[in-house]
Amino acid sequence: MRVHIATDHAGLELSAHLIRHLGEKGYEMVDHGPQSYDPQDDYPAFCLRAAQAVVVDQRSGVEALGIVLGGSGNGEQIAANKVRGIRAALAWNLETARLAREHNDANVVAVGGRQHSLDEATAIIEAFLAEPFPGEERHVRRIGKIAHYETTGEVQD
């Protein structure tokens, strides 16, 4: 599986760890930056590029997910969710990571690097990547309504 990853300065250490760790586990890691520490960096461009790459890969049949990291993960999740076709979920424990995939077919996970130890953050992300979307009808229906709104601006009951 290809995994697109982006961060800001607050998640740079975690990002480097994940690229190495997940790469050793067989994931194809694609780093969307930044490449060096800058406390004044602006995360939106990094996260938007990672999210765009996830969409491009998924639409072309490549199995791909994304990871966006920051101090809290909130801004990074918001940025990723601006990309049409992205369902980014902020995960703060194993259960929210799994449910993001199981119920929402989330294709990007956001994690706050300042909110967890390295081991905790790694476990959360591994849980997200490992959890399949089972495709239950009720979840597919709900995701479809979100996608419909995203493309038309029309709310469906």
N, C-alpha and C. Protein backbone atom coordinates (compact mmCIF):
# COMPACT_ATOMS: atom_id res chain seq x y z
N MET A 1 0.84 -1.17 0.00
CA MET A 1 0.00 0.00 0.00
C MET A 1 0.89 1.24 0.00
N ARG A 2 0.48 2.23 -0.77
CA ARG A 2 1.18 3.51 -0.80
C ARG A 2 0.58 4.41 0.28
N VAL A 3 1.44 5.08 1.01
CA VAL A 3 1.01 5.98 2.08
C VAL A 3 1.64 7.35 1.86
N HIS A 4 0.79 8.35 1.67
CA HIS A 4 1.24 9.72 1.50
C HIS A 4 1.25 10.37 2.88
N ILE A 5 2.34 11.05 3.21
CA ILE A 5 2.48 11.63 4.54
C ILE A 5 2.94 13.08 4.42
N ALA A 6 2.36 13.92 5.29
CA ALA A 6 2.73 15.34 5.35
C ALA A 6 2.63 15.79 6.79
N THR A 7 3.33 16.86 7.10
CA THR A 7 3.35 17.34 8.47
C THR A 7 3.60 18.84 8.49
N ASP A 8 3.68 19.35 9.69
CA ASP A 8 4.25 20.68 9.91
C ASP A 8 5.44 20.49 10.82
N HIS A 9 6.01 21.58 11.30
CA HIS A 9 7.21 21.47 12.14
C HIS A 9 6.95 20.65 13.41
N ALA A 10 5.74 20.71 13.95
CA ALA A 10 5.44 20.01 15.21
C ALA A 10 5.39 18.50 15.05
N GLY A 11 5.19 18.02 13.84
CA GLY A 11 5.13 16.59 13.60
C GLY A 11 6.31 16.04 12.84
N LEU A 12 7.33 16.86 12.63
CA LEU A 12 8.45 16.45 11.77
C LEU A 12 9.19 15.23 12.32
N GLU A 13 9.44 15.19 13.60
CA GLU A 13 10.12 14.03 14.20
C GLU A 13 9.27 12.77 14.06
N LEU A 14 7.97 12.89 14.33
CA LEU A 14 7.06 11.75 14.19
C LEU A 14 7.01 11.30 12.73
N SER A 15 6.95 12.25 11.81
CA SER A 15 6.91 11.91 10.39
C SER A 15 8.14 11.12 9.97
N ALA A 16 9.32 11.58 10.38
CA ALA A 16 10.56 10.86 10.03
C ALA A 16 10.54 9.45 10.60
N HIS A 17 10.07 9.31 11.83
CA HIS A 17 9.95 7.98 12.44
C HIS A 17 9.00 7.10 11.64
N LEU A 18 7.83 7.64 11.29
CA LEU A 18 6.83 6.84 10.57
C LEU A 18 7.31 6.44 9.18
N ILE A 19 7.99 7.34 8.49
CA ILE A 19 8.51 7.01 7.16
C ILE A 19 9.46 5.82 7.27
N ARG A 20 10.32 5.85 8.25
CA ARG A 20 11.27 4.76 8.45
C ARG A 20 10.55 3.49 8.91
N HIS A 21 9.75 3.60 9.96
CA HIS A 21 9.08 2.46 10.58
C HIS A 21 8.09 1.77 9.62
N LEU A 22 7.23 2.56 9.00
CA LEU A 22 6.23 1.98 8.10
C LEU A 22 6.88 1.47 6.81
N GLY A 23 7.93 2.13 6.37
CA GLY A 23 8.67 1.64 5.22
C GLY A 23 9.26 0.26 5.48
N GLU A 24 9.78 0.07 6.69
CA GLU A 24 10.32 -1.25 7.06
C GLU A 24 9.22 -2.31 7.13
N LYS A 25 7.99 -1.90 7.35
CA LYS A 25 6.86 -2.84 7.41
C LYS A 25 6.28 -3.12 6.01
N GLY A 26 6.85 -2.51 4.99
CA GLY A 26 6.43 -2.80 3.63
C GLY A 26 5.55 -1.75 2.97
N TYR A 27 5.21 -0.69 3.69
CA TYR A 27 4.43 0.38 3.08
C TYR A 27 5.33 1.21 2.16
N GLU A 28 4.78 1.65 1.05
CA GLU A 28 5.50 2.55 0.15
C GLU A 28 5.22 3.98 0.62
N MET A 29 6.17 4.58 1.27
CA MET A 29 5.98 5.90 1.89
C MET A 29 6.36 7.01 0.91
N VAL A 30 5.46 7.99 0.77
CA VAL A 30 5.70 9.15 -0.08
C VAL A 30 5.62 10.38 0.81
N ASP A 31 6.74 11.07 0.94
CA ASP A 31 6.86 12.22 1.84
C ASP A 31 6.55 13.51 1.09
N HIS A 32 5.52 14.23 1.56
CA HIS A 32 5.11 15.49 0.93
C HIS A 32 5.61 16.70 1.71
N GLY A 33 6.51 16.45 2.66
CA GLY A 33 7.18 17.55 3.33
C GLY A 33 6.59 17.92 4.67
N PRO A 34 7.31 18.83 5.27
CA PRO A 34 8.51 19.52 4.84
C PRO A 34 9.76 18.64 4.98
N GLN A 35 10.84 19.10 4.40
CA GLN A 35 12.09 18.34 4.43
C GLN A 35 13.01 18.77 5.56
N SER A 36 12.73 19.93 6.13
CA SER A 36 13.57 20.41 7.23
C SER A 36 12.70 21.19 8.22
N TYR A 37 13.22 21.35 9.41
CA TYR A 37 12.50 22.03 10.48
C TYR A 37 12.46 23.53 10.26
N ASP A 38 11.26 24.08 10.27
CA ASP A 38 11.05 25.52 10.20
C ASP A 38 9.85 25.84 11.07
N PRO A 39 10.06 26.46 12.23
CA PRO A 39 8.94 26.73 13.14
C PRO A 39 7.90 27.68 12.56
N GLN A 40 8.20 28.31 11.45
CA GLN A 40 7.26 29.23 10.80
C GLN A 40 6.60 28.62 9.56
N ASP A 41 6.79 27.32 9.34
CA ASP A 41 6.24 26.72 8.13
C ASP A 41 4.71 26.78 8.13
N ASP A 42 4.16 26.67 6.95
CA ASP A 42 2.71 26.66 6.76
C ASP A 42 2.31 25.29 6.25
N TYR A 43 1.61 24.55 7.13
CA TYR A 43 1.25 23.16 6.84
C TYR A 43 0.25 22.97 5.69
N PRO A 44 -0.63 23.94 5.36
CA PRO A 44 -1.65 23.61 4.37
C PRO A 44 -1.11 23.05 3.05
N ALA A 45 -0.06 23.63 2.50
CA ALA A 45 0.44 23.15 1.21
C ALA A 45 0.90 21.69 1.31
N PHE A 46 1.60 21.34 2.37
CA PHE A 46 2.08 19.97 2.53
C PHE A 46 0.90 19.00 2.60
N CYS A 47 -0.09 19.35 3.44
CA CYS A 47 -1.24 18.46 3.65
C CYS A 47 -2.13 18.38 2.43
N LEU A 48 -2.31 19.50 1.75
CA LEU A 48 -3.13 19.49 0.53
C LEU A 48 -2.49 18.63 -0.55
N ARG A 49 -1.17 18.71 -0.69
CA ARG A 49 -0.49 17.89 -1.70
C ARG A 49 -0.60 16.39 -1.37
N ALA A 50 -0.46 16.06 -0.10
CA ALA A 50 -0.59 14.65 0.29
C ALA A 50 -2.01 14.16 0.01
N ALA A 51 -3.00 14.96 0.37
CA ALA A 51 -4.39 14.57 0.14
C ALA A 51 -4.69 14.44 -1.35
N GLN A 52 -4.20 15.39 -2.15
CA GLN A 52 -4.39 15.30 -3.60
C GLN A 52 -3.79 14.01 -4.16
N ALA A 53 -2.63 13.64 -3.66
CA ALA A 53 -1.97 12.43 -4.14
C ALA A 53 -2.77 11.18 -3.78
N VAL A 54 -3.39 11.16 -2.61
CA VAL A 54 -4.24 10.04 -2.22
C VAL A 54 -5.39 9.90 -3.21
N VAL A 55 -6.04 11.00 -3.53
CA VAL A 55 -7.17 10.97 -4.46
C VAL A 55 -6.71 10.49 -5.84
N VAL A 56 -5.61 11.03 -6.33
CA VAL A 56 -5.10 10.62 -7.65
C VAL A 56 -4.81 9.12 -7.66
N ASP A 57 -4.13 8.64 -6.63
CA ASP A 57 -3.82 7.21 -6.57
C ASP A 57 -5.09 6.37 -6.51
N GLN A 58 -6.00 6.71 -5.63
CA GLN A 58 -7.21 5.91 -5.48
C GLN A 58 -8.03 5.89 -6.76
N ARG A 59 -8.11 7.01 -7.44
CA ARG A 59 -8.88 7.07 -8.69
C ARG A 59 -8.22 6.28 -9.81
N SER A 60 -6.90 6.09 -9.70
CA SER A 60 -6.20 5.31 -10.73
C SER A 60 -6.04 3.84 -10.34
N GLY A 61 -6.68 3.45 -9.24
CA GLY A 61 -6.67 2.05 -8.83
C GLY A 61 -5.54 1.64 -7.92
N VAL A 62 -4.75 2.60 -7.46
CA VAL A 62 -3.65 2.31 -6.55
C VAL A 62 -4.19 2.33 -5.13
N GLU A 63 -3.88 1.29 -4.36
CA GLU A 63 -4.29 1.26 -2.96
C GLU A 63 -3.44 2.28 -2.20
N ALA A 64 -4.10 3.32 -1.69
CA ALA A 64 -3.36 4.40 -1.04
C ALA A 64 -4.18 5.01 0.08
N LEU A 65 -3.49 5.44 1.11
CA LEU A 65 -4.06 6.20 2.22
C LEU A 65 -3.10 7.33 2.54
N GLY A 66 -3.53 8.23 3.44
CA GLY A 66 -2.69 9.35 3.80
C GLY A 66 -2.60 9.56 5.30
N ILE A 67 -1.54 10.23 5.70
CA ILE A 67 -1.30 10.61 7.09
C ILE A 67 -0.92 12.09 7.08
N VAL A 68 -1.61 12.89 7.92
CA VAL A 68 -1.21 14.28 8.11
C VAL A 68 -1.00 14.51 9.60
N LEU A 69 0.08 15.19 9.90
CA LEU A 69 0.51 15.35 11.29
C LEU A 69 0.73 16.82 11.61
N GLY A 70 0.50 17.15 12.86
CA GLY A 70 0.79 18.49 13.35
C GLY A 70 0.84 18.45 14.86
N GLY A 71 0.79 19.59 15.48
CA GLY A 71 0.79 19.62 16.94
C GLY A 71 -0.45 18.98 17.51
N SER A 72 -1.61 19.38 16.97
CA SER A 72 -2.88 18.78 17.41
C SER A 72 -3.48 17.89 16.33
N GLY A 73 -3.13 18.12 15.09
CA GLY A 73 -3.73 17.40 13.97
C GLY A 73 -4.97 18.07 13.43
N ASN A 74 -5.51 19.06 14.15
CA ASN A 74 -6.76 19.69 13.73
C ASN A 74 -6.63 20.46 12.42
N GLY A 75 -5.68 21.37 12.35
CA GLY A 75 -5.52 22.16 11.13
C GLY A 75 -5.18 21.30 9.93
N GLU A 76 -4.38 20.30 10.16
CA GLU A 76 -3.97 19.40 9.08
C GLU A 76 -5.17 18.60 8.57
N GLN A 77 -6.04 18.18 9.47
CA GLN A 77 -7.26 17.48 9.07
C GLN A 77 -8.16 18.41 8.27
N ILE A 78 -8.32 19.64 8.74
CA ILE A 78 -9.16 20.60 8.04
C ILE A 78 -8.64 20.83 6.63
N ALA A 79 -7.33 21.02 6.50
CA ALA A 79 -6.74 21.24 5.17
C ALA A 79 -7.00 20.05 4.26
N ALA A 80 -6.70 18.86 4.74
CA ALA A 80 -6.89 17.65 3.91
C ALA A 80 -8.34 17.51 3.46
N ASN A 81 -9.26 17.83 4.35
CA ASN A 81 -10.68 17.68 4.02
C ASN A 81 -11.17 18.67 2.97
N LYS A 82 -10.37 19.65 2.61
CA LYS A 82 -10.76 20.58 1.54
C LYS A 82 -10.56 19.97 0.16
N VAL A 83 -9.85 18.86 0.08
CA VAL A 83 -9.61 18.19 -1.20
C VAL A 83 -10.79 17.28 -1.51
N ARG A 84 -11.41 17.51 -2.64
CA ARG A 84 -12.57 16.70 -3.05
C ARG A 84 -12.18 15.23 -3.09
N GLY A 85 -12.98 14.41 -2.41
CA GLY A 85 -12.72 12.98 -2.37
C GLY A 85 -11.99 12.52 -1.11
N ILE A 86 -11.58 13.47 -0.29
CA ILE A 86 -10.88 13.11 0.94
C ILE A 86 -11.86 13.07 2.10
N ARG A 87 -11.70 12.06 2.92
CA ARG A 87 -12.39 11.94 4.19
C ARG A 87 -11.29 11.76 5.24
N ALA A 88 -10.85 12.88 5.79
CA ALA A 88 -9.77 12.86 6.79
C ALA A 88 -10.38 12.84 8.18
N ALA A 89 -9.87 11.97 9.01
CA ALA A 89 -10.37 11.81 10.38
C ALA A 89 -9.26 12.07 11.38
N LEU A 90 -9.59 12.85 12.40
CA LEU A 90 -8.66 13.06 13.50
C LEU A 90 -8.78 11.87 14.44
N ALA A 91 -7.70 11.14 14.61
CA ALA A 91 -7.71 9.96 15.48
C ALA A 91 -6.88 10.26 16.72
N TRP A 92 -7.44 9.93 17.88
CA TRP A 92 -6.72 10.21 19.13
C TRP A 92 -6.55 8.97 19.98
N ASN A 93 -7.09 7.83 19.51
CA ASN A 93 -6.85 6.55 20.18
C ASN A 93 -7.07 5.44 19.15
N LEU A 94 -6.85 4.21 19.58
CA LEU A 94 -6.96 3.09 18.64
C LEU A 94 -8.38 2.95 18.09
N GLU A 95 -9.36 3.14 18.95
CA GLU A 95 -10.75 2.97 18.54
C GLU A 95 -11.17 4.01 17.50
N THR A 96 -10.80 5.27 17.71
CA THR A 96 -11.20 6.28 16.71
C THR A 96 -10.47 6.04 15.39
N ALA A 97 -9.26 5.52 15.44
CA ALA A 97 -8.55 5.20 14.20
C ALA A 97 -9.25 4.08 13.44
N ARG A 98 -9.61 3.03 14.16
CA ARG A 98 -10.29 1.90 13.50
C ARG A 98 -11.67 2.29 12.98
N LEU A 99 -12.42 3.03 13.79
CA LEU A 99 -13.76 3.42 13.38
C LEU A 99 -13.74 4.37 12.19
N ALA A 100 -12.71 5.19 12.08
CA ALA A 100 -12.59 6.08 10.93
C ALA A 100 -12.57 5.28 9.63
N ARG A 101 -11.89 4.16 9.64
CA ARG A 101 -11.85 3.29 8.46
C ARG A 101 -13.12 2.45 8.35
N GLU A 102 -13.52 1.83 9.46
CA GLU A 102 -14.64 0.89 9.44
C GLU A 102 -15.98 1.56 9.11
N HIS A 103 -16.24 2.71 9.67
CA HIS A 103 -17.53 3.37 9.48
C HIS A 103 -17.51 4.46 8.42
N ASN A 104 -16.38 5.11 8.24
CA ASN A 104 -16.33 6.28 7.37
C ASN A 104 -15.47 6.10 6.12
N ASP A 105 -14.81 4.96 5.99
CA ASP A 105 -13.88 4.73 4.90
C ASP A 105 -12.94 5.94 4.74
N ALA A 106 -12.49 6.47 5.90
CA ALA A 106 -11.56 7.60 5.86
C ALA A 106 -10.32 7.18 5.08
N ASN A 107 -9.83 8.10 4.26
CA ASN A 107 -8.65 7.79 3.48
C ASN A 107 -7.42 8.59 3.90
N VAL A 108 -7.61 9.45 4.91
CA VAL A 108 -6.50 10.17 5.52
C VAL A 108 -6.73 10.18 7.03
N VAL A 109 -5.66 9.96 7.78
CA VAL A 109 -5.73 10.06 9.24
C VAL A 109 -4.89 11.26 9.67
N ALA A 110 -5.44 12.03 10.61
CA ALA A 110 -4.71 13.15 11.20
C ALA A 110 -4.40 12.80 12.65
N VAL A 111 -3.17 13.06 13.05
CA VAL A 111 -2.74 12.77 14.42
C VAL A 111 -1.94 13.96 14.93
N GLY A 112 -2.16 14.29 16.19
CA GLY A 112 -1.42 15.36 16.83
C GLY A 112 -0.13 14.83 17.43
N GLY A 113 0.98 15.26 16.89
CA GLY A 113 2.27 14.80 17.36
C GLY A 113 2.58 15.23 18.78
N ARG A 114 2.00 16.33 19.23
CA ARG A 114 2.23 16.80 20.59
C ARG A 114 1.24 16.21 21.58
N GLN A 115 0.34 15.38 21.11
CA GLN A 115 -0.71 14.82 21.96
C GLN A 115 -0.42 13.40 22.42
N HIS A 116 0.59 12.77 21.81
CA HIS A 116 0.85 11.36 22.05
C HIS A 116 2.34 11.09 22.12
N SER A 117 2.69 10.03 22.81
CA SER A 117 4.07 9.56 22.75
C SER A 117 4.31 8.99 21.35
N LEU A 118 5.55 8.77 21.03
CA LEU A 118 5.90 8.19 19.74
C LEU A 118 5.24 6.82 19.57
N ASP A 119 5.28 6.01 20.61
CA ASP A 119 4.66 4.68 20.54
C ASP A 119 3.16 4.75 20.37
N GLU A 120 2.50 5.66 21.11
CA GLU A 120 1.05 5.81 20.98
C GLU A 120 0.66 6.25 19.58
N ALA A 121 1.33 7.27 19.07
CA ALA A 121 1.01 7.79 17.74
C ALA A 121 1.24 6.71 16.68
N THR A 122 2.31 5.97 16.81
CA THR A 122 2.60 4.89 15.86
C THR A 122 1.50 3.83 15.89
N ALA A 123 1.07 3.45 17.07
CA ALA A 123 0.01 2.43 17.21
C ALA A 123 -1.30 2.93 16.60
N ILE A 124 -1.63 4.19 16.82
CA ILE A 124 -2.87 4.76 16.25
C ILE A 124 -2.83 4.70 14.73
N ILE A 125 -1.71 5.10 14.16
CA ILE A 125 -1.58 5.13 12.71
C ILE A 125 -1.57 3.72 12.13
N GLU A 126 -0.89 2.80 12.80
CA GLU A 126 -0.89 1.41 12.33
C GLU A 126 -2.30 0.83 12.37
N ALA A 127 -3.07 1.16 13.41
CA ALA A 127 -4.45 0.67 13.50
C ALA A 127 -5.28 1.21 12.34
N PHE A 128 -5.10 2.47 12.00
CA PHE A 128 -5.81 3.08 10.88
C PHE A 128 -5.45 2.38 9.57
N LEU A 129 -4.17 2.20 9.32
CA LEU A 129 -3.73 1.60 8.07
C LEU A 129 -4.17 0.15 7.92
N ALA A 130 -4.25 -0.56 9.03
CA ALA A 130 -4.57 -1.99 8.98
C ALA A 130 -6.07 -2.27 8.88
N GLU A 131 -6.90 -1.32 9.28
CA GLU A 131 -8.34 -1.57 9.35
C GLU A 131 -8.98 -1.47 7.96
N PRO A 132 -9.63 -2.52 7.51
CA PRO A 132 -10.30 -2.44 6.21
C PRO A 132 -11.66 -1.75 6.33
N PHE A 133 -12.17 -1.27 5.22
CA PHE A 133 -13.54 -0.78 5.16
C PHE A 133 -14.40 -1.94 4.71
N PRO A 134 -15.29 -2.46 5.59
CA PRO A 134 -16.07 -3.64 5.24
C PRO A 134 -17.19 -3.37 4.24
N GLY A 135 -17.55 -2.12 4.04
CA GLY A 135 -18.54 -1.78 3.02
C GLY A 135 -19.98 -2.05 3.40
N GLU A 136 -20.31 -1.99 4.69
CA GLU A 136 -21.71 -2.18 5.10
C GLU A 136 -22.57 -1.13 4.41
N GLU A 137 -23.76 -1.54 4.01
CA GLU A 137 -24.66 -0.68 3.24
C GLU A 137 -24.92 0.65 3.92
N ARG A 138 -25.16 0.64 5.23
CA ARG A 138 -25.48 1.90 5.92
C ARG A 138 -24.31 2.88 5.86
N HIS A 139 -23.10 2.37 5.94
CA HIS A 139 -21.95 3.25 5.88
C HIS A 139 -21.71 3.75 4.45
N VAL A 140 -21.87 2.87 3.49
CA VAL A 140 -21.74 3.27 2.09
C VAL A 140 -22.77 4.34 1.75
N ARG A 141 -24.00 4.16 2.21
CA ARG A 141 -25.07 5.13 1.97
C ARG A 141 -24.70 6.50 2.55
N ARG A 142 -24.21 6.52 3.77
CA ARG A 142 -23.87 7.79 4.44
C ARG A 142 -22.70 8.48 3.75
N ILE A 143 -21.71 7.70 3.39
CA ILE A 143 -20.55 8.27 2.69
C ILE A 143 -21.00 8.82 1.34
N GLY A 144 -21.92 8.13 0.69
CA GLY A 144 -22.46 8.60 -0.58
C GLY A 144 -23.16 9.94 -0.46
N LYS A 145 -23.85 10.15 0.65
CA LYS A 145 -24.54 11.43 0.87
C LYS A 145 -23.53 12.56 1.07
N ILE A 146 -22.44 12.26 1.74
CA ILE A 146 -21.39 13.27 1.91
C ILE A 146 -20.77 13.59 0.54
N ALA A 147 -20.47 12.57 -0.24
CA ALA A 147 -19.88 12.78 -1.57
C ALA A 147 -20.84 13.54 -2.47
N HIS A 148 -22.13 13.24 -2.37
CA HIS A 148 -23.13 13.96 -3.17
C HIS A 148 -23.10 15.45 -2.83
N TYR A 149 -23.08 15.77 -1.56
CA TYR A 149 -23.01 17.18 -1.15
C TYR A 149 -21.72 17.83 -1.64
N GLU A 150 -20.64 17.09 -1.52
CA GLU A 150 -19.34 17.62 -1.92
C GLU A 150 -19.32 18.03 -3.39
N THR A 151 -20.02 17.30 -4.23
CA THR A 151 -19.99 17.57 -5.66
C THR A 151 -21.14 18.47 -6.13
N THR A 152 -22.26 18.49 -5.39
CA THR A 152 -23.42 19.25 -5.86
C THR A 152 -23.83 20.40 -4.94
N GLY A 153 -23.43 20.34 -3.67
CA GLY A 153 -23.89 21.33 -2.71
C GLY A 153 -25.29 21.07 -2.21
N GLU A 154 -25.86 19.94 -2.60
CA GLU A 154 -27.24 19.58 -2.24
C GLU A 154 -27.22 18.60 -1.06
N VAL A 155 -28.01 18.92 -0.02
CA VAL A 155 -28.13 18.07 1.14
C VAL A 155 -29.22 17.03 0.91
N GLN A 156 -28.89 15.77 1.14
CA GLN A 156 -29.87 14.68 1.02
C GLN A 156 -30.25 14.20 2.39
N ASP A 157 -31.54 13.95 2.59
CA ASP A 157 -32.00 13.38 3.87
C ASP A 157 -31.75 11.90 3.92
